[in-house]
Each structure stands twice: as structure tokens, then as C-alpha cells.
Amino acid sequence: MSRISVRGFAVASATAVTTVGAVVGVASGSTPAADDNNFEATAADTTLLADIPAGQQAQVQTASLTQQADAQASAADAAAKKSVEEAARIQAAKDAKSKKAAAEDRLEKERQDKKDAAERASRSEIRSASSFAQQGSYTVAQVQAIARQMVPADQFQCFSNIVSHESTWNYRASNPSSGAYGLVQALPGTKMASAGADWQTNPATQIKWGLSYMDGRYGSPCGAWSFWQANTWY
């Protein structure tokens, strides 16, 4: 049979032995003499668990269980704190992502608003064919200046590319074999009469008709230029 002696207070729980002071296990009956001497020396300064009054034993056991409960509660608190911190980190990342997306949306909207405003300003500056006083003749530079005032700024280069290939900006250019005529080589030239009776001599009337044709058939001068590049005609 074994006995357990304790220095100070000791408690045996279901899973461990908690020692307040020092715990010494001694097996009686088969211990060598040297061990008996050590036991005798130690026993003088120890208190057997059996010698502790039952009430005090209960108090010691209760204290041990309380310590275990406190340790478990501390571990639970630490886990809960870690969980809260992780949730806060994830939420902060989501908030930052949302703010970034909102900022990018605002910047994109501002860019689009500026672009729209520029296009509106450009359209407001476009002059109609009737606003140009007719002349007896026009130089290439004069015809191009009229076109710049009639064609939207973002479409002018495409319009210019087509006119350069079709007539080299000669508003009286004529193709005797096909009957095409003018800056945009309308085929036949009489089609341009829908833009004005002076279609043969007024580059503004020809530009007006050319713009209408390109917008109606290709969506824009740039749409017409894309088709021209693929087919060398439009």
C-alpha cells in the first residue's frame, strides 16, 4: 500500500497532482534502508494528507479546482480576444477596400464628367455650314479651317484622313469615270444637294453632307475611317 506525504498542502485531482510546497511519494515495505533514513528525515518536516482535517482537505481541493477554472477562463478570454482582434482586422481590410473602390469610382466619374464637359464645349463651338460666308474660291488651308470648325475635335483627324485620301482637300475634285465629286467624293456628287444647292462650290456644304453621311452609315468619321482602312473605300 502507498502513502502520499506533502510539505505544506497538496491535492490530487482527477488528472494531476498540484503541490503547494513539495510532494514526496514513498512506497512502504520494500524501500532500502538508505531510503528509510531519507524518509525519516523528510517525515519530520512533512504533513500527511491523511493527517489534514477533512475540512481543510476540501478547502485545498476547492482551491485547486478554482485555479484550474481560472486558468481555463484565462485561456478562453485570450482566445476570445484573439478572435475579436482577427474580426476587427478583417473588417478593417474590408473597409479599406471599400474606401479604395469608392475613391476610384469618384475619380472615374470626375474624369468622365470632364470628358463630357469637353465634348459639350467642343460641340457648342461647332459651326453650321450656313454660318460661313461663301467665297468665290478657297485654298486648302481655308477649307481645312472650315472643317475644324464644323467637325467635332475628337473626330477631325479621322475626317481629315478620309478627305486627304479621297480628294487631297480639293473641294472641286471630280472623278469623270465614276461621277464622284468634292471633298468627300460623294457618289454621285448630286447627293450633296440635300445639304445645300451650292454643293458644287461651297466646301462647308460638302463638309456638312460628308459628316451626315459618315455619322449615318458608320456612326462617326472615325467609324468611317476604320472601314476605309480595311477596304480603301467607304
C-alpha atoms as a PDB file:
ATOM      1  CA  MET A   1       0.000   0.000   0.000  1.00  0.00           C
ATOM      2  CA  SER A   2       1.309   3.501  -0.864  1.00  0.00           C
ATOM      3  CA  ARG A   3       1.200   6.653   1.202  1.00  0.00           C
ATOM      4  CA  ILE A   4       1.441  10.228  -0.046  1.00  0.00           C
ATOM      5  CA  SER A   5       3.147  12.799   2.185  1.00  0.00           C
ATOM      6  CA  VAL A   6       3.039  16.514   1.473  1.00  0.00           C
ATOM      7  CA  ARG A   7       5.110  19.501   2.510  1.00  0.00           C
ATOM      8  CA  GLY A   8       2.652  22.333   3.031  1.00  0.00           C
ATOM      9  CA  PHE A   9      -0.613  21.460   1.167  1.00  0.00           C
ATOM     10  CA  ALA A  10      -1.103  19.019  -1.732  1.00  0.00           C
ATOM     11  CA  VAL A  11      -4.195  17.981  -3.674  1.00  0.00           C
ATOM     12  CA  ALA A  12      -4.765  15.111  -6.103  1.00  0.00           C
ATOM     13  CA  SER A  13      -7.289  15.925  -8.833  1.00  0.00           C
ATOM     14  CA  ALA A  14      -8.689  13.570 -11.455  1.00  0.00           C
ATOM     15  CA  THR A  15      -5.849  14.349 -13.841  1.00  0.00           C
ATOM     16  CA  ALA A  16      -2.897  15.820 -11.889  1.00  0.00           C
ATOM     17  CA  VAL A  17      -1.261  16.372  -8.517  1.00  0.00           C
ATOM     18  CA  THR A  18      -0.946  20.033  -7.519  1.00  0.00           C
ATOM     19  CA  THR A  19       1.662  20.741  -4.934  1.00  0.00           C
ATOM     20  CA  VAL A  20       1.928  23.729  -2.598  1.00  0.00           C
ATOM     21  CA  GLY A  21       5.346  23.168  -1.056  1.00  0.00           C
ATOM     22  CA  ALA A  22       6.952  19.803  -2.048  1.00  0.00           C
ATOM     23  CA  VAL A  23       5.411  16.418  -2.870  1.00  0.00           C
ATOM     24  CA  VAL A  24       7.233  13.258  -1.997  1.00  0.00           C
ATOM     25  CA  GLY A  25       5.894   9.760  -2.904  1.00  0.00           C
ATOM     26  CA  VAL A  26       7.044   6.968  -0.641  1.00  0.00           C
ATOM     27  CA  ALA A  27       6.271   3.277  -1.072  1.00  0.00           C
ATOM     28  CA  SER A  28       6.331   1.401   2.230  1.00  0.00           C
ATOM     29  CA  GLY A  29       7.585  -2.144   2.847  1.00  0.00           C
ATOM     30  CA  SER A  30      10.211  -2.524   0.103  1.00  0.00           C
ATOM     31  CA  THR A  31      12.269   0.636   0.486  1.00  0.00           C
ATOM     32  CA  PRO A  32      16.039   0.208   1.169  1.00  0.00           C
ATOM     33  CA  ALA A  33      17.464   1.381   4.495  1.00  0.00           C
ATOM     34  CA  ALA A  34      19.010   4.458   2.923  1.00  0.00           C
ATOM     35  CA  ASP A  35      15.602   5.438   1.618  1.00  0.00           C
ATOM     36  CA  ASP A  36      14.153   4.780   5.091  1.00  0.00           C
ATOM     37  CA  ASN A  37      16.644   7.210   6.530  1.00  0.00           C
ATOM     38  CA  ASN A  38      15.730   9.801   3.896  1.00  0.00           C
ATOM     39  CA  PHE A  39      12.079   9.176   4.592  1.00  0.00           C
ATOM     40  CA  GLU A  40      12.591   9.575   8.344  1.00  0.00           C
ATOM     41  CA  ALA A  41      14.452  12.845   7.784  1.00  0.00           C
ATOM     42  CA  THR A  42      11.784  14.111   5.473  1.00  0.00           C
ATOM     43  CA  ALA A  43       8.835  12.865   7.502  1.00  0.00           C
ATOM     44  CA  ALA A  44       9.768  15.116  10.386  1.00  0.00           C
ATOM     45  CA  ASP A  45       9.071  18.127   8.189  1.00  0.00           C
ATOM     46  CA  THR A  46       6.012  16.817   6.281  1.00  0.00           C
ATOM     47  CA  THR A  47       2.328  16.584   6.894  1.00  0.00           C
ATOM     48  CA  LEU A  48       0.465  13.514   5.742  1.00  0.00           C
ATOM     49  CA  LEU A  49      -2.600  14.214   3.634  1.00  0.00           C
ATOM     50  CA  ALA A  50      -4.465  11.855   5.911  1.00  0.00           C
ATOM     51  CA  ASP A  51      -3.388  13.980   8.878  1.00  0.00           C
ATOM     52  CA  ILE A  52      -5.005  17.127   7.396  1.00  0.00           C
ATOM     53  CA  PRO A  53      -8.511  17.588   8.763  1.00  0.00           C
ATOM     54  CA  ALA A  54     -11.230  16.713   6.274  1.00  0.00           C
ATOM     55  CA  GLY A  55     -12.450  20.304   6.115  1.00  0.00           C
ATOM     56  CA  GLN A  56      -9.019  21.584   5.168  1.00  0.00           C
ATOM     57  CA  GLN A  57      -8.642  18.845   2.551  1.00  0.00           C
ATOM     58  CA  ALA A  58     -11.874  20.091   0.947  1.00  0.00           C
ATOM     59  CA  GLN A  59     -10.577  23.646   1.029  1.00  0.00           C
ATOM     60  CA  VAL A  60      -7.326  22.641  -0.665  1.00  0.00           C
ATOM     61  CA  GLN A  61      -9.192  20.637  -3.297  1.00  0.00           C
ATOM     62  CA  THR A  62     -11.566  23.565  -3.889  1.00  0.00           C
ATOM     63  CA  ALA A  63      -8.621  25.934  -4.253  1.00  0.00           C
ATOM     64  CA  SER A  64      -7.061  23.601  -6.833  1.00  0.00           C
ATOM     65  CA  LEU A  65     -10.281  23.397  -8.829  1.00  0.00           C
ATOM     66  CA  THR A  66     -10.614  27.186  -8.637  1.00  0.00           C
ATOM     67  CA  GLN A  67      -7.099  27.570 -10.020  1.00  0.00           C
ATOM     68  CA  GLN A  68      -7.944  25.211 -12.867  1.00  0.00           C
ATOM     69  CA  ALA A  69     -11.154  27.128 -13.593  1.00  0.00           C
ATOM     70  CA  ASP A  70      -9.258  30.422 -13.535  1.00  0.00           C
ATOM     71  CA  ALA A  71      -6.683  29.026 -15.935  1.00  0.00           C
ATOM     72  CA  GLN A  72      -9.417  27.812 -18.298  1.00  0.00           C
ATOM     73  CA  ALA A  73     -11.209  31.150 -18.068  1.00  0.00           C
ATOM     74  CA  SER A  74      -7.968  32.991 -18.862  1.00  0.00           C
ATOM     75  CA  ALA A  75      -7.388  30.750 -21.868  1.00  0.00           C
ATOM     76  CA  ALA A  76     -10.968  31.348 -23.037  1.00  0.00           C
ATOM     77  CA  ASP A  77     -10.549  35.111 -22.593  1.00  0.00           C
ATOM     78  CA  ALA A  78      -7.323  35.048 -24.595  1.00  0.00           C
ATOM     79  CA  ALA A  79      -8.993  33.057 -27.391  1.00  0.00           C
ATOM     80  CA  ALA A  80     -11.973  35.421 -27.405  1.00  0.00           C
ATOM     81  CA  LYS A  81      -9.670  38.450 -27.505  1.00  0.00           C
ATOM     82  CA  LYS A  82      -7.726  36.941 -30.409  1.00  0.00           C
ATOM     83  CA  SER A  83     -10.981  36.214 -32.231  1.00  0.00           C
ATOM     84  CA  VAL A  84     -12.184  39.788 -31.732  1.00  0.00           C
ATOM     85  CA  GLU A  85      -8.851  41.190 -32.947  1.00  0.00           C
ATOM     86  CA  GLU A  86      -8.944  38.971 -36.052  1.00  0.00           C
ATOM     87  CA  ALA A  87     -12.521  40.009 -36.811  1.00  0.00           C
ATOM     88  CA  ALA A  88     -11.520  43.652 -36.402  1.00  0.00           C
ATOM     89  CA  ARG A  89      -8.559  43.162 -38.760  1.00  0.00           C
ATOM     90  CA  ILE A  90     -10.744  41.538 -41.407  1.00  0.00           C
ATOM     91  CA  GLN A  91     -13.354  44.282 -41.092  1.00  0.00           C
ATOM     92  CA  ALA A  92     -10.662  46.971 -41.353  1.00  0.00           C
ATOM     93  CA  ALA A  93      -9.360  45.343 -44.546  1.00  0.00           C
ATOM     94  CA  LYS A  94     -12.886  45.254 -45.986  1.00  0.00           C
ATOM     95  CA  ASP A  95     -13.443  48.902 -45.058  1.00  0.00           C
ATOM     96  CA  ALA A  96     -10.151  49.905 -46.655  1.00  0.00           C
ATOM     97  CA  LYS A  97     -11.046  48.013 -49.835  1.00  0.00           C
ATOM     98  CA  SER A  98     -14.470  49.649 -49.959  1.00  0.00           C
ATOM     99  CA  LYS A  99     -12.961  53.104 -49.468  1.00  0.00           C
ATOM    100  CA  LYS A 100     -10.426  52.467 -52.225  1.00  0.00           C
ATOM    101  CA  ALA A 101     -13.155  51.314 -54.623  1.00  0.00           C
ATOM    102  CA  ALA A 102     -15.284  54.349 -53.763  1.00  0.00           C
ATOM    103  CA  ALA A 103     -12.335  56.680 -54.346  1.00  0.00           C
ATOM    104  CA  GLU A 104     -11.599  55.055 -57.707  1.00  0.00           C
ATOM    105  CA  ASP A 105     -15.269  55.383 -58.686  1.00  0.00           C
ATOM    106  CA  ARG A 106     -15.204  59.081 -57.785  1.00  0.00           C
ATOM    107  CA  LEU A 107     -12.052  59.647 -59.834  1.00  0.00           C
ATOM    108  CA  GLU A 108     -13.542  57.802 -62.801  1.00  0.00           C
ATOM    109  CA  LYS A 109     -16.730  59.833 -62.552  1.00  0.00           C
ATOM    110  CA  GLU A 110     -14.727  63.063 -62.385  1.00  0.00           C
ATOM    111  CA  ARG A 111     -12.734  62.043 -65.466  1.00  0.00           C
ATOM    112  CA  GLN A 112     -15.914  61.162 -67.322  1.00  0.00           C
ATOM    113  CA  ASP A 113     -17.560  64.430 -66.279  1.00  0.00           C
ATOM    114  CA  LYS A 114     -14.557  66.382 -67.552  1.00  0.00           C
ATOM    115  CA  LYS A 115     -14.605  64.445 -70.813  1.00  0.00           C
ATOM    116  CA  ASP A 116     -18.331  65.056 -71.242  1.00  0.00           C
ATOM    117  CA  ALA A 117     -17.868  68.745 -70.483  1.00  0.00           C
ATOM    118  CA  ALA A 118     -15.075  68.972 -73.055  1.00  0.00           C
ATOM    119  CA  GLU A 119     -17.236  67.255 -75.662  1.00  0.00           C
ATOM    120  CA  ARG A 120     -20.144  69.577 -74.907  1.00  0.00           C
ATOM    121  CA  ALA A 121     -17.833  72.561 -75.201  1.00  0.00           C
ATOM    122  CA  SER A 122     -16.478  71.201 -78.455  1.00  0.00           C
ATOM    123  CA  ARG A 123     -19.982  70.703 -79.840  1.00  0.00           C
ATOM    124  CA  SER A 124     -21.018  74.173 -78.771  1.00  0.00           C
ATOM    125  CA  GLU A 125     -18.123  75.595 -80.786  1.00  0.00           C
ATOM    126  CA  ILE A 126     -19.091  73.675 -83.941  1.00  0.00           C
ATOM    127  CA  ARG A 127     -20.425  75.993 -86.582  1.00  0.00           C
ATOM    128  CA  SER A 128     -23.058  75.178 -89.156  1.00  0.00           C
ATOM    129  CA  ALA A 129     -22.399  75.389 -92.880  1.00  0.00           C
ATOM    130  CA  SER A 130     -24.697  78.394 -93.219  1.00  0.00           C
ATOM    131  CA  SER A 131     -22.583  80.425 -90.795  1.00  0.00           C
ATOM    132  CA  PHE A 132     -19.743  80.699 -93.300  1.00  0.00           C
ATOM    133  CA  ALA A 133     -19.896  83.455 -95.903  1.00  0.00           C
ATOM    134  CA  GLN A 134     -19.475  81.955 -99.330  1.00  0.00           C
ATOM    135  CA  GLN A 135     -16.396  82.899-101.337  1.00  0.00           C
ATOM    136  CA  GLY A 136     -15.527  82.647-104.995  1.00  0.00           C
ATOM    137  CA  SER A 137     -12.701  80.201-104.235  1.00  0.00           C
ATOM    138  CA  TYR A 138     -10.946  78.574-101.298  1.00  0.00           C
ATOM    139  CA  THR A 139      -7.396  77.486-100.559  1.00  0.00           C
ATOM    140  CA  VAL A 140      -6.681  74.131 -98.923  1.00  0.00           C
ATOM    141  CA  ALA A 141      -5.836  75.917 -95.670  1.00  0.00           C
ATOM    142  CA  GLN A 142      -9.164  77.757 -95.736  1.00  0.00           C
ATOM    143  CA  VAL A 143     -11.113  74.563 -96.402  1.00  0.00           C
ATOM    144  CA  GLN A 144      -9.315  72.818 -93.538  1.00  0.00           C
ATOM    145  CA  ALA A 145     -10.027  75.755 -91.227  1.00  0.00           C
ATOM    146  CA  ILE A 146     -13.757  75.474 -92.051  1.00  0.00           C
ATOM    147  CA  ALA A 147     -13.652  71.724 -91.396  1.00  0.00           C
ATOM    148  CA  ARG A 148     -12.030  72.255 -87.996  1.00  0.00           C
ATOM    149  CA  GLN A 149     -14.930  74.489 -87.020  1.00  0.00           C
ATOM    150  CA  MET A 150     -17.561  72.027 -88.217  1.00  0.00           C
ATOM    151  CA  VAL A 151     -16.157  68.627 -87.303  1.00  0.00           C
ATOM    152  CA  PRO A 152     -16.034  67.552 -83.601  1.00  0.00           C
ATOM    153  CA  ALA A 153     -12.473  67.837 -82.297  1.00  0.00           C
ATOM    154  CA  ASP A 154     -12.172  64.156 -81.425  1.00  0.00           C
ATOM    155  CA  GLN A 155     -13.314  63.200 -84.955  1.00  0.00           C
ATOM    156  CA  PHE A 156     -11.384  65.708 -87.009  1.00  0.00           C
ATOM    157  CA  GLN A 157      -8.275  63.593 -87.626  1.00  0.00           C
ATOM    158  CA  CYS A 158     -10.371  60.693 -88.922  1.00  0.00           C
ATOM    159  CA  PHE A 159     -12.368  63.041 -91.143  1.00  0.00           C
ATOM    160  CA  SER A 160      -9.125  64.620 -92.377  1.00  0.00           C
ATOM    161  CA  ASN A 161      -7.625  61.204 -93.193  1.00  0.00           C
ATOM    162  CA  ILE A 162     -10.568  60.317 -95.407  1.00  0.00           C
ATOM    163  CA  VAL A 163     -10.649  63.671 -97.202  1.00  0.00           C
ATOM    164  CA  SER A 164      -6.880  63.557 -97.745  1.00  0.00           C
ATOM    165  CA  HIS A 165      -7.176  60.165 -99.436  1.00  0.00           C
ATOM    166  CA  GLU A 166     -10.346  60.956-101.379  1.00  0.00           C
ATOM    167  CA  SER A 167      -9.666  64.463-102.710  1.00  0.00           C
ATOM    168  CA  THR A 168      -6.475  65.877-101.124  1.00  0.00           C
ATOM    169  CA  TRP A 169      -8.758  68.657 -99.760  1.00  0.00           C
ATOM    170  CA  ASN A 170      -9.775  69.818-103.230  1.00  0.00           C
ATOM    171  CA  TYR A 171     -13.447  70.794-102.976  1.00  0.00           C
ATOM    172  CA  ARG A 172     -13.743  70.747-106.797  1.00  0.00           C
ATOM    173  CA  ALA A 173     -12.186  67.284-107.208  1.00  0.00           C
ATOM    174  CA  SER A 174     -14.101  65.240-109.752  1.00  0.00           C
ATOM    175  CA  ASN A 175     -13.837  61.638-110.898  1.00  0.00           C
ATOM    176  CA  PRO A 176     -15.027  61.579-114.507  1.00  0.00           C
ATOM    177  CA  SER A 177     -15.243  57.783-114.644  1.00  0.00           C
ATOM    178  CA  SER A 178     -17.452  57.333-111.571  1.00  0.00           C
ATOM    179  CA  GLY A 179     -19.058  60.735-111.149  1.00  0.00           C
ATOM    180  CA  ALA A 180     -17.762  61.143-107.563  1.00  0.00           C
ATOM    181  CA  TYR A 181     -17.313  64.775-106.593  1.00  0.00           C
ATOM    182  CA  GLY A 182     -15.985  67.099-103.924  1.00  0.00           C
ATOM    183  CA  LEU A 183     -14.027  66.782-100.686  1.00  0.00           C
ATOM    184  CA  VAL A 184     -15.598  63.501 -99.630  1.00  0.00           C
ATOM    185  CA  GLN A 185     -16.124  62.217-103.196  1.00  0.00           C
ATOM    186  CA  ALA A 186     -19.867  61.781-102.900  1.00  0.00           C
ATOM    187  CA  LEU A 187     -21.096  59.286-105.482  1.00  0.00           C
ATOM    188  CA  PRO A 188     -22.807  60.678-107.365  1.00  0.00           C
ATOM    189  CA  GLY A 189     -21.981  64.255-106.451  1.00  0.00           C
ATOM    190  CA  THR A 190     -25.622  65.284-106.736  1.00  0.00           C
ATOM    191  CA  LYS A 191     -26.299  63.532-103.423  1.00  0.00           C
ATOM    192  CA  MET A 192     -24.829  66.580-101.694  1.00  0.00           C
ATOM    193  CA  ALA A 193     -27.717  68.718-102.928  1.00  0.00           C
ATOM    194  CA  SER A 194     -29.583  67.523 -99.823  1.00  0.00           C
ATOM    195  CA  ALA A 195     -27.150  69.662 -97.771  1.00  0.00           C
ATOM    196  CA  GLY A 196     -27.390  72.755 -99.980  1.00  0.00           C
ATOM    197  CA  ALA A 197     -27.880  73.937-103.508  1.00  0.00           C
ATOM    198  CA  ASP A 198     -24.316  75.293-103.559  1.00  0.00           C
ATOM    199  CA  TRP A 199     -22.762  71.848-103.067  1.00  0.00           C
ATOM    200  CA  GLN A 200     -20.515  72.206-106.120  1.00  0.00           C
ATOM    201  CA  THR A 201     -18.775  75.396-104.964  1.00  0.00           C
ATOM    202  CA  ASN A 202     -19.140  75.581-101.191  1.00  0.00           C
ATOM    203  CA  PRO A 203     -16.788  73.358 -99.113  1.00  0.00           C
ATOM    204  CA  ALA A 204     -18.893  73.994 -95.980  1.00  0.00           C
ATOM    205  CA  THR A 205     -21.890  72.360 -97.694  1.00  0.00           C
ATOM    206  CA  GLN A 206     -19.754  69.406 -98.733  1.00  0.00           C
ATOM    207  CA  ILE A 207     -18.393  69.010 -95.194  1.00  0.00           C
ATOM    208  CA  LYS A 208     -21.918  69.146 -93.809  1.00  0.00           C
ATOM    209  CA  TRP A 209     -23.044  66.385 -96.138  1.00  0.00           C
ATOM    210  CA  GLY A 210     -19.918  64.302 -95.529  1.00  0.00           C
ATOM    211  CA  LEU A 211     -20.387  64.427 -91.761  1.00  0.00           C
ATOM    212  CA  SER A 212     -24.020  63.419 -92.088  1.00  0.00           C
ATOM    213  CA  TYR A 213     -23.106  60.501 -94.337  1.00  0.00           C
ATOM    214  CA  MET A 214     -20.319  59.220 -92.059  1.00  0.00           C
ATOM    215  CA  ASP A 215     -22.429  59.523 -88.922  1.00  0.00           C
ATOM    216  CA  GLY A 216     -25.433  57.859 -90.535  1.00  0.00           C
ATOM    217  CA  ARG A 217     -23.597  54.913 -92.090  1.00  0.00           C
ATOM    218  CA  TYR A 218     -20.631  54.336 -89.770  1.00  0.00           C
ATOM    219  CA  GLY A 219     -21.567  56.111 -86.544  1.00  0.00           C
ATOM    220  CA  SER A 220     -18.839  58.709 -86.832  1.00  0.00           C
ATOM    221  CA  PRO A 221     -15.964  59.846 -89.052  1.00  0.00           C
ATOM    222  CA  CYS A 222     -13.657  57.541 -87.060  1.00  0.00           C
ATOM    223  CA  GLY A 223     -16.003  54.646 -87.760  1.00  0.00           C
ATOM    224  CA  ALA A 224     -15.861  55.540 -91.448  1.00  0.00           C
ATOM    225  CA  TRP A 225     -12.065  55.779 -91.316  1.00  0.00           C
ATOM    226  CA  SER A 226     -11.791  52.316 -89.775  1.00  0.00           C
ATOM    227  CA  PHE A 227     -13.898  50.922 -92.622  1.00  0.00           C
ATOM    228  CA  TRP A 228     -11.843  52.864 -95.181  1.00  0.00           C
ATOM    229  CA  GLN A 229      -8.590  51.398 -93.852  1.00  0.00           C
ATOM    230  CA  ALA A 230      -9.953  47.885 -94.282  1.00  0.00           C
ATOM    231  CA  ASN A 231     -11.485  48.442 -97.727  1.00  0.00           C
ATOM    232  CA  THR A 232      -9.878  51.593 -99.231  1.00  0.00           C
ATOM    233  CA  TRP A 233     -13.362  52.998 -99.781  1.00  0.00           C
ATOM    234  CA  TYR A 234     -16.274  53.931 -97.560  1.00  0.00           C
END
